[in-house]
Amino acid sequence: MDYDVVVVPEATYAVTRRTIGFSDVPQVMPGLMEKVLGWAATVPHGAVMCVSSVTPEGLLNIGPGVEVDAGAVEPPDGFELVTRPAGRAVVHLHVGAYEALPDVYRKLYDTMTRDGLEEAGEPIEIYETHGPVPETRIFWPVS
């Protein structure tokens, strides 16, 4: 699996978090994205994104949101600000269906660890295009 290791700048996101089973993503994510995009339409914001991780029990922590300028907006109830610190990250562009992302994450993690990289935080997906063939850029912090 191809990826680049780059130094990414600090970024702040307003997200709404949930912990769900992987099979629940198709039912839960659209409602969360509707909530995110509804609020985002009322404030200045950047990229639409999602922070995610897997719990020790095998559940998925998801936090869809939008990039915001730190201190420029007050997130509404049910949202929190998450700051991605500046640092090294593996960056991979996935071109294809969102439903393929769990497998992409597994392959990317296996490739990273095989190459001697250690994860150092939650991965963040940036949704670059939503058209007929979505493009999702994954940023995975590494030490």
N, C-alpha and C. Protein backbone atom coordinates (compact mmCIF):
# COMPACT_ATOMS: atom_id res chain seq x y z
N MET A 1 0.86 -1.18 0.00
CA MET A 1 0.00 0.00 0.00
C MET A 1 0.89 1.23 0.00
N ASP A 2 0.58 2.19 -0.85
CA ASP A 2 1.42 3.37 -0.96
C ASP A 2 0.98 4.44 0.05
N TYR A 3 1.97 5.18 0.55
CA TYR A 3 1.73 6.30 1.46
C TYR A 3 2.97 7.18 1.46
N ASP A 4 2.81 8.38 1.97
CA ASP A 4 3.92 9.30 2.20
C ASP A 4 3.99 9.57 3.68
N VAL A 5 5.18 9.87 4.19
CA VAL A 5 5.33 10.35 5.55
C VAL A 5 5.68 11.83 5.44
N VAL A 6 4.82 12.66 6.01
CA VAL A 6 4.98 14.10 5.92
C VAL A 6 4.85 14.73 7.30
N VAL A 7 5.29 15.97 7.41
CA VAL A 7 5.05 16.75 8.62
C VAL A 7 3.81 17.58 8.37
N VAL A 8 2.79 17.39 9.20
CA VAL A 8 1.53 18.11 9.03
C VAL A 8 1.45 19.23 10.07
N PRO A 9 0.82 20.34 9.69
CA PRO A 9 0.64 21.43 10.66
C PRO A 9 -0.46 21.10 11.65
N GLU A 10 -0.48 21.84 12.74
CA GLU A 10 -1.57 21.71 13.69
C GLU A 10 -2.88 22.10 13.01
N ALA A 11 -3.93 21.42 13.37
CA ALA A 11 -5.26 21.74 12.84
C ALA A 11 -6.29 21.47 13.93
N THR A 12 -7.36 22.25 13.92
CA THR A 12 -8.43 22.10 14.91
C THR A 12 -9.73 21.77 14.19
N TYR A 13 -10.47 20.86 14.78
CA TYR A 13 -11.72 20.39 14.19
C TYR A 13 -12.83 20.45 15.24
N ALA A 14 -14.05 20.78 14.81
CA ALA A 14 -15.24 20.66 15.65
C ALA A 14 -15.90 19.35 15.25
N VAL A 15 -16.01 18.43 16.21
CA VAL A 15 -16.51 17.08 15.90
C VAL A 15 -17.63 16.69 16.86
N THR A 16 -18.44 15.75 16.41
CA THR A 16 -19.43 15.12 17.27
C THR A 16 -19.09 13.62 17.31
N ARG A 17 -18.84 13.09 18.50
CA ARG A 17 -18.31 11.72 18.63
C ARG A 17 -19.38 10.71 19.02
N ARG A 18 -19.18 9.50 18.51
CA ARG A 18 -20.01 8.35 18.88
C ARG A 18 -19.12 7.11 18.87
N THR A 19 -19.48 6.12 19.69
CA THR A 19 -18.83 4.81 19.67
C THR A 19 -19.89 3.82 19.22
N ILE A 20 -19.59 3.13 18.11
CA ILE A 20 -20.58 2.25 17.48
C ILE A 20 -19.90 0.99 16.95
N GLY A 21 -20.68 0.01 16.60
CA GLY A 21 -20.16 -1.16 15.91
C GLY A 21 -19.89 -0.82 14.45
N PHE A 22 -18.92 -1.48 13.85
CA PHE A 22 -18.59 -1.24 12.44
C PHE A 22 -19.82 -1.41 11.55
N SER A 23 -20.66 -2.38 11.87
CA SER A 23 -21.84 -2.64 11.02
C SER A 23 -22.88 -1.52 11.13
N ASP A 24 -22.76 -0.66 12.16
CA ASP A 24 -23.72 0.43 12.35
C ASP A 24 -23.36 1.70 11.59
N VAL A 25 -22.17 1.75 11.00
CA VAL A 25 -21.71 2.96 10.32
C VAL A 25 -22.70 3.42 9.24
N PRO A 26 -23.17 2.54 8.35
CA PRO A 26 -24.08 3.02 7.29
C PRO A 26 -25.38 3.63 7.82
N GLN A 27 -25.85 3.21 9.00
CA GLN A 27 -27.06 3.77 9.57
C GLN A 27 -26.79 5.04 10.38
N VAL A 28 -25.63 5.15 11.03
CA VAL A 28 -25.34 6.25 11.95
C VAL A 28 -24.65 7.43 11.26
N MET A 29 -23.71 7.16 10.39
CA MET A 29 -22.89 8.23 9.82
C MET A 29 -23.70 9.27 9.05
N PRO A 30 -24.68 8.89 8.22
CA PRO A 30 -25.43 9.93 7.50
C PRO A 30 -26.09 10.96 8.44
N GLY A 31 -26.67 10.51 9.52
CA GLY A 31 -27.29 11.43 10.48
C GLY A 31 -26.28 12.34 11.14
N LEU A 32 -25.13 11.78 11.49
CA LEU A 32 -24.08 12.61 12.09
C LEU A 32 -23.56 13.64 11.09
N MET A 33 -23.37 13.22 9.84
CA MET A 33 -22.89 14.16 8.82
C MET A 33 -23.92 15.25 8.56
N GLU A 34 -25.20 14.90 8.59
CA GLU A 34 -26.25 15.91 8.40
C GLU A 34 -26.17 16.95 9.52
N LYS A 35 -25.96 16.49 10.75
CA LYS A 35 -25.83 17.38 11.89
C LYS A 35 -24.59 18.27 11.73
N VAL A 36 -23.47 17.69 11.34
CA VAL A 36 -22.23 18.44 11.15
C VAL A 36 -22.41 19.49 10.06
N LEU A 37 -22.91 19.07 8.90
CA LEU A 37 -23.03 19.99 7.77
C LEU A 37 -24.07 21.07 8.03
N GLY A 38 -25.12 20.75 8.77
CA GLY A 38 -26.11 21.76 9.13
C GLY A 38 -25.49 22.86 9.97
N TRP A 39 -24.71 22.48 10.97
CA TRP A 39 -24.04 23.49 11.81
C TRP A 39 -22.96 24.20 11.01
N ALA A 40 -22.19 23.45 10.22
CA ALA A 40 -21.08 24.05 9.47
C ALA A 40 -21.56 25.12 8.50
N ALA A 41 -22.78 24.99 8.01
CA ALA A 41 -23.31 25.98 7.07
C ALA A 41 -23.49 27.34 7.73
N THR A 42 -23.44 27.40 9.06
CA THR A 42 -23.66 28.65 9.78
C THR A 42 -22.37 29.32 10.25
N VAL A 43 -21.22 28.68 10.03
CA VAL A 43 -19.94 29.22 10.53
C VAL A 43 -18.85 29.06 9.48
N PRO A 44 -17.81 29.89 9.56
CA PRO A 44 -16.67 29.66 8.66
C PRO A 44 -16.00 28.33 9.01
N HIS A 45 -15.67 27.55 7.99
CA HIS A 45 -15.04 26.25 8.26
C HIS A 45 -14.24 25.82 7.05
N GLY A 46 -13.40 24.82 7.27
CA GLY A 46 -12.60 24.24 6.21
C GLY A 46 -13.10 22.86 5.86
N ALA A 47 -12.17 21.95 5.73
CA ALA A 47 -12.45 20.60 5.24
C ALA A 47 -13.44 19.85 6.12
N VAL A 48 -14.25 19.01 5.45
CA VAL A 48 -15.12 18.06 6.14
C VAL A 48 -14.27 16.83 6.42
N MET A 49 -14.39 16.29 7.64
CA MET A 49 -13.47 15.25 8.06
C MET A 49 -14.12 14.30 9.06
N CYS A 50 -13.33 13.31 9.49
CA CYS A 50 -13.75 12.41 10.55
C CYS A 50 -12.51 11.88 11.26
N VAL A 51 -12.50 11.97 12.57
CA VAL A 51 -11.44 11.35 13.37
C VAL A 51 -11.98 9.99 13.80
N SER A 52 -11.12 8.99 13.83
CA SER A 52 -11.62 7.66 14.18
C SER A 52 -10.53 6.82 14.84
N SER A 53 -11.00 5.84 15.59
CA SER A 53 -10.10 4.86 16.21
C SER A 53 -10.93 3.66 16.61
N VAL A 54 -10.25 2.58 16.93
CA VAL A 54 -10.92 1.35 17.34
C VAL A 54 -10.68 1.15 18.83
N THR A 55 -11.75 0.79 19.57
CA THR A 55 -11.64 0.53 21.00
C THR A 55 -11.03 -0.86 21.22
N PRO A 56 -10.53 -1.12 22.43
CA PRO A 56 -10.03 -2.47 22.73
C PRO A 56 -11.09 -3.55 22.56
N GLU A 57 -12.37 -3.16 22.66
CA GLU A 57 -13.47 -4.11 22.50
C GLU A 57 -13.85 -4.33 21.04
N GLY A 58 -13.18 -3.62 20.12
CA GLY A 58 -13.47 -3.78 18.70
C GLY A 58 -14.56 -2.88 18.16
N LEU A 59 -14.97 -1.88 18.94
CA LEU A 59 -15.95 -0.91 18.47
C LEU A 59 -15.23 0.24 17.78
N LEU A 60 -15.97 1.05 17.07
CA LEU A 60 -15.40 2.16 16.33
C LEU A 60 -15.77 3.48 16.99
N ASN A 61 -14.76 4.28 17.33
CA ASN A 61 -14.97 5.65 17.77
C ASN A 61 -14.95 6.51 16.52
N ILE A 62 -16.05 7.21 16.25
CA ILE A 62 -16.06 8.11 15.09
C ILE A 62 -16.38 9.52 15.57
N GLY A 63 -15.80 10.49 14.90
CA GLY A 63 -16.05 11.88 15.22
C GLY A 63 -16.07 12.70 13.96
N PRO A 64 -17.16 12.68 13.20
CA PRO A 64 -17.22 13.53 12.02
C PRO A 64 -17.29 14.99 12.41
N GLY A 65 -16.72 15.84 11.55
CA GLY A 65 -16.73 17.26 11.85
C GLY A 65 -16.17 18.07 10.71
N VAL A 66 -15.76 19.30 11.04
CA VAL A 66 -15.17 20.21 10.06
C VAL A 66 -13.99 20.92 10.70
N GLU A 67 -13.04 21.30 9.84
CA GLU A 67 -11.90 22.08 10.31
C GLU A 67 -12.35 23.50 10.61
N VAL A 68 -11.89 24.03 11.74
CA VAL A 68 -12.23 25.39 12.15
C VAL A 68 -10.96 26.09 12.64
N ASP A 69 -11.00 27.41 12.67
CA ASP A 69 -9.90 28.16 13.28
C ASP A 69 -10.10 28.12 14.78
N ALA A 70 -9.05 27.69 15.50
CA ALA A 70 -9.13 27.60 16.96
C ALA A 70 -9.50 28.97 17.53
N GLY A 71 -10.52 29.00 18.38
CA GLY A 71 -10.95 30.23 19.02
C GLY A 71 -11.89 31.08 18.18
N ALA A 72 -12.12 30.72 16.93
CA ALA A 72 -12.97 31.53 16.05
C ALA A 72 -14.45 31.16 16.14
N VAL A 73 -14.74 29.94 16.55
CA VAL A 73 -16.13 29.50 16.66
C VAL A 73 -16.33 28.77 17.98
N GLU A 74 -17.56 28.79 18.44
CA GLU A 74 -17.94 28.05 19.63
C GLU A 74 -18.79 26.87 19.17
N PRO A 75 -18.29 25.64 19.35
CA PRO A 75 -19.09 24.50 18.88
C PRO A 75 -20.37 24.36 19.70
N PRO A 76 -21.45 23.91 19.07
CA PRO A 76 -22.72 23.75 19.79
C PRO A 76 -22.69 22.53 20.71
N ASP A 77 -23.74 22.39 21.50
CA ASP A 77 -23.88 21.22 22.36
C ASP A 77 -23.76 19.96 21.52
N GLY A 78 -23.05 18.97 22.06
CA GLY A 78 -22.86 17.71 21.36
C GLY A 78 -21.62 17.69 20.48
N PHE A 79 -20.93 18.82 20.39
CA PHE A 79 -19.68 18.91 19.63
C PHE A 79 -18.53 19.22 20.58
N GLU A 80 -17.33 18.89 20.16
CA GLU A 80 -16.13 19.25 20.91
C GLU A 80 -15.04 19.66 19.92
N LEU A 81 -14.09 20.42 20.43
CA LEU A 81 -12.95 20.79 19.60
C LEU A 81 -11.85 19.77 19.81
N VAL A 82 -11.26 19.31 18.71
CA VAL A 82 -10.16 18.35 18.72
C VAL A 82 -9.02 18.98 17.95
N THR A 83 -7.83 18.99 18.56
CA THR A 83 -6.67 19.56 17.88
C THR A 83 -5.71 18.45 17.50
N ARG A 84 -5.39 18.41 16.20
CA ARG A 84 -4.35 17.51 15.72
C ARG A 84 -3.05 18.26 15.86
N PRO A 85 -2.13 17.75 16.70
CA PRO A 85 -0.86 18.47 16.85
C PRO A 85 -0.02 18.38 15.57
N ALA A 86 0.83 19.36 15.40
CA ALA A 86 1.78 19.31 14.29
C ALA A 86 2.70 18.12 14.52
N GLY A 87 3.12 17.48 13.46
CA GLY A 87 4.02 16.34 13.59
C GLY A 87 3.98 15.45 12.37
N ARG A 88 4.71 14.34 12.49
CA ARG A 88 4.77 13.39 11.38
C ARG A 88 3.50 12.58 11.27
N ALA A 89 3.12 12.33 10.01
CA ALA A 89 1.94 11.51 9.77
C ALA A 89 2.12 10.73 8.47
N VAL A 90 1.58 9.54 8.46
CA VAL A 90 1.45 8.78 7.23
C VAL A 90 0.23 9.36 6.51
N VAL A 91 0.37 9.61 5.21
CA VAL A 91 -0.73 10.15 4.42
C VAL A 91 -0.99 9.21 3.25
N HIS A 92 -2.25 8.79 3.14
CA HIS A 92 -2.66 7.88 2.06
C HIS A 92 -3.95 8.42 1.44
N LEU A 93 -4.01 8.44 0.11
CA LEU A 93 -5.22 8.85 -0.59
C LEU A 93 -5.97 7.60 -1.03
N HIS A 94 -7.20 7.45 -0.51
CA HIS A 94 -8.08 6.36 -0.92
C HIS A 94 -9.06 6.91 -1.94
N VAL A 95 -9.07 6.32 -3.12
CA VAL A 95 -10.02 6.69 -4.16
C VAL A 95 -10.98 5.52 -4.30
N GLY A 96 -12.21 5.73 -3.87
CA GLY A 96 -13.19 4.65 -3.92
C GLY A 96 -14.23 4.82 -2.84
N ALA A 97 -15.05 3.81 -2.72
CA ALA A 97 -16.22 3.85 -1.82
C ALA A 97 -15.81 3.98 -0.35
N TYR A 98 -16.63 4.71 0.40
CA TYR A 98 -16.42 4.85 1.84
C TYR A 98 -16.48 3.49 2.54
N GLU A 99 -17.31 2.59 2.00
CA GLU A 99 -17.48 1.27 2.62
C GLU A 99 -16.18 0.47 2.63
N ALA A 100 -15.24 0.82 1.77
CA ALA A 100 -13.95 0.12 1.71
C ALA A 100 -12.97 0.61 2.76
N LEU A 101 -13.28 1.71 3.45
CA LEU A 101 -12.31 2.30 4.37
C LEU A 101 -11.84 1.37 5.50
N PRO A 102 -12.72 0.56 6.11
CA PRO A 102 -12.18 -0.33 7.16
C PRO A 102 -11.05 -1.23 6.65
N ASP A 103 -11.20 -1.77 5.45
CA ASP A 103 -10.15 -2.61 4.87
C ASP A 103 -8.91 -1.79 4.55
N VAL A 104 -9.11 -0.57 4.07
CA VAL A 104 -7.98 0.33 3.78
C VAL A 104 -7.19 0.60 5.05
N TYR A 105 -7.89 0.87 6.14
CA TYR A 105 -7.22 1.11 7.42
C TYR A 105 -6.40 -0.11 7.87
N ARG A 106 -6.98 -1.29 7.74
CA ARG A 106 -6.24 -2.51 8.15
C ARG A 106 -4.96 -2.66 7.32
N LYS A 107 -5.09 -2.50 6.01
CA LYS A 107 -3.91 -2.64 5.14
C LYS A 107 -2.89 -1.55 5.41
N LEU A 108 -3.35 -0.32 5.62
CA LEU A 108 -2.42 0.77 5.90
C LEU A 108 -1.70 0.54 7.22
N TYR A 109 -2.42 0.11 8.25
CA TYR A 109 -1.80 -0.18 9.54
C TYR A 109 -0.76 -1.29 9.40
N ASP A 110 -1.11 -2.36 8.70
CA ASP A 110 -0.17 -3.47 8.50
C ASP A 110 1.08 -3.00 7.76
N THR A 111 0.91 -2.17 6.75
CA THR A 111 2.05 -1.67 5.97
C THR A 111 2.91 -0.76 6.82
N MET A 112 2.28 0.14 7.57
CA MET A 112 3.03 1.06 8.44
C MET A 112 3.89 0.29 9.44
N THR A 113 3.26 -0.66 10.13
CA THR A 113 4.00 -1.39 11.16
C THR A 113 5.09 -2.26 10.55
N ARG A 114 4.81 -2.86 9.40
CA ARG A 114 5.84 -3.64 8.71
C ARG A 114 7.03 -2.76 8.35
N ASP A 115 6.76 -1.49 8.04
CA ASP A 115 7.82 -0.55 7.69
C ASP A 115 8.47 0.09 8.91
N GLY A 116 8.07 -0.32 10.10
CA GLY A 116 8.71 0.16 11.32
C GLY A 116 8.14 1.44 11.90
N LEU A 117 6.98 1.87 11.43
CA LEU A 117 6.36 3.08 11.95
C LEU A 117 5.38 2.71 13.06
N GLU A 118 5.31 3.56 14.09
CA GLU A 118 4.38 3.33 15.19
C GLU A 118 3.34 4.43 15.20
N GLU A 119 2.06 4.03 15.34
CA GLU A 119 1.00 5.03 15.39
C GLU A 119 1.18 5.89 16.63
N ALA A 120 0.81 7.17 16.50
CA ALA A 120 0.99 8.12 17.60
C ALA A 120 -0.24 9.02 17.74
N GLY A 121 -1.42 8.47 17.52
CA GLY A 121 -2.64 9.24 17.64
C GLY A 121 -3.71 8.72 16.71
N GLU A 122 -4.89 9.32 16.82
CA GLU A 122 -6.04 8.90 16.02
C GLU A 122 -5.89 9.35 14.57
N PRO A 123 -6.20 8.48 13.63
CA PRO A 123 -6.21 8.89 12.23
C PRO A 123 -7.36 9.87 11.96
N ILE A 124 -7.14 10.71 10.96
CA ILE A 124 -8.15 11.67 10.54
C ILE A 124 -8.36 11.51 9.04
N GLU A 125 -9.62 11.42 8.64
CA GLU A 125 -9.98 11.35 7.23
C GLU A 125 -10.43 12.73 6.78
N ILE A 126 -9.92 13.18 5.66
CA ILE A 126 -10.39 14.41 5.04
C ILE A 126 -11.12 13.99 3.76
N TYR A 127 -12.38 14.39 3.66
CA TYR A 127 -13.19 14.03 2.50
C TYR A 127 -12.98 15.09 1.42
N GLU A 128 -12.15 14.75 0.44
CA GLU A 128 -11.75 15.73 -0.57
C GLU A 128 -12.78 15.88 -1.68
N THR A 129 -13.34 14.78 -2.15
CA THR A 129 -14.43 14.84 -3.13
C THR A 129 -15.47 13.79 -2.75
N HIS A 130 -16.72 14.10 -3.08
CA HIS A 130 -17.82 13.19 -2.75
C HIS A 130 -18.49 12.64 -4.01
N GLY A 131 -18.04 13.04 -5.17
CA GLY A 131 -18.67 12.69 -6.43
C GLY A 131 -18.89 11.20 -6.60
N PRO A 132 -19.04 10.80 -7.84
CA PRO A 132 -19.31 9.39 -8.09
C PRO A 132 -18.19 8.48 -7.59
N VAL A 133 -16.96 9.01 -7.54
CA VAL A 133 -15.84 8.25 -6.97
C VAL A 133 -15.22 9.11 -5.87
N PRO A 134 -15.60 8.86 -4.60
CA PRO A 134 -15.09 9.68 -3.50
C PRO A 134 -13.57 9.56 -3.35
N GLU A 135 -12.96 10.65 -2.87
CA GLU A 135 -11.54 10.66 -2.54
C GLU A 135 -11.41 11.04 -1.07
N THR A 136 -10.77 10.17 -0.31
CA THR A 136 -10.59 10.36 1.12
C THR A 136 -9.09 10.31 1.43
N ARG A 137 -8.57 11.41 2.00
CA ARG A 137 -7.16 11.45 2.38
C ARG A 137 -7.06 11.11 3.86
N ILE A 138 -6.27 10.08 4.18
CA ILE A 138 -6.10 9.63 5.56
C ILE A 138 -4.77 10.17 6.09
N PHE A 139 -4.84 10.81 7.25
CA PHE A 139 -3.66 11.29 7.98
C PHE A 139 -3.56 10.47 9.25
N TRP A 140 -2.48 9.70 9.41
CA TRP A 140 -2.33 8.85 10.59
C TRP A 140 -1.03 9.26 11.29
N PRO A 141 -1.14 9.91 12.47
CA PRO A 141 0.06 10.34 13.17
C PRO A 141 0.97 9.16 13.52
N VAL A 142 2.28 9.36 13.31
CA VAL A 142 3.28 8.35 13.63
C VAL A 142 4.42 8.99 14.40
N SER A 143 5.11 8.15 15.19
CA SER A 143 6.27 8.66 15.93
C SER A 143 7.53 8.47 15.13
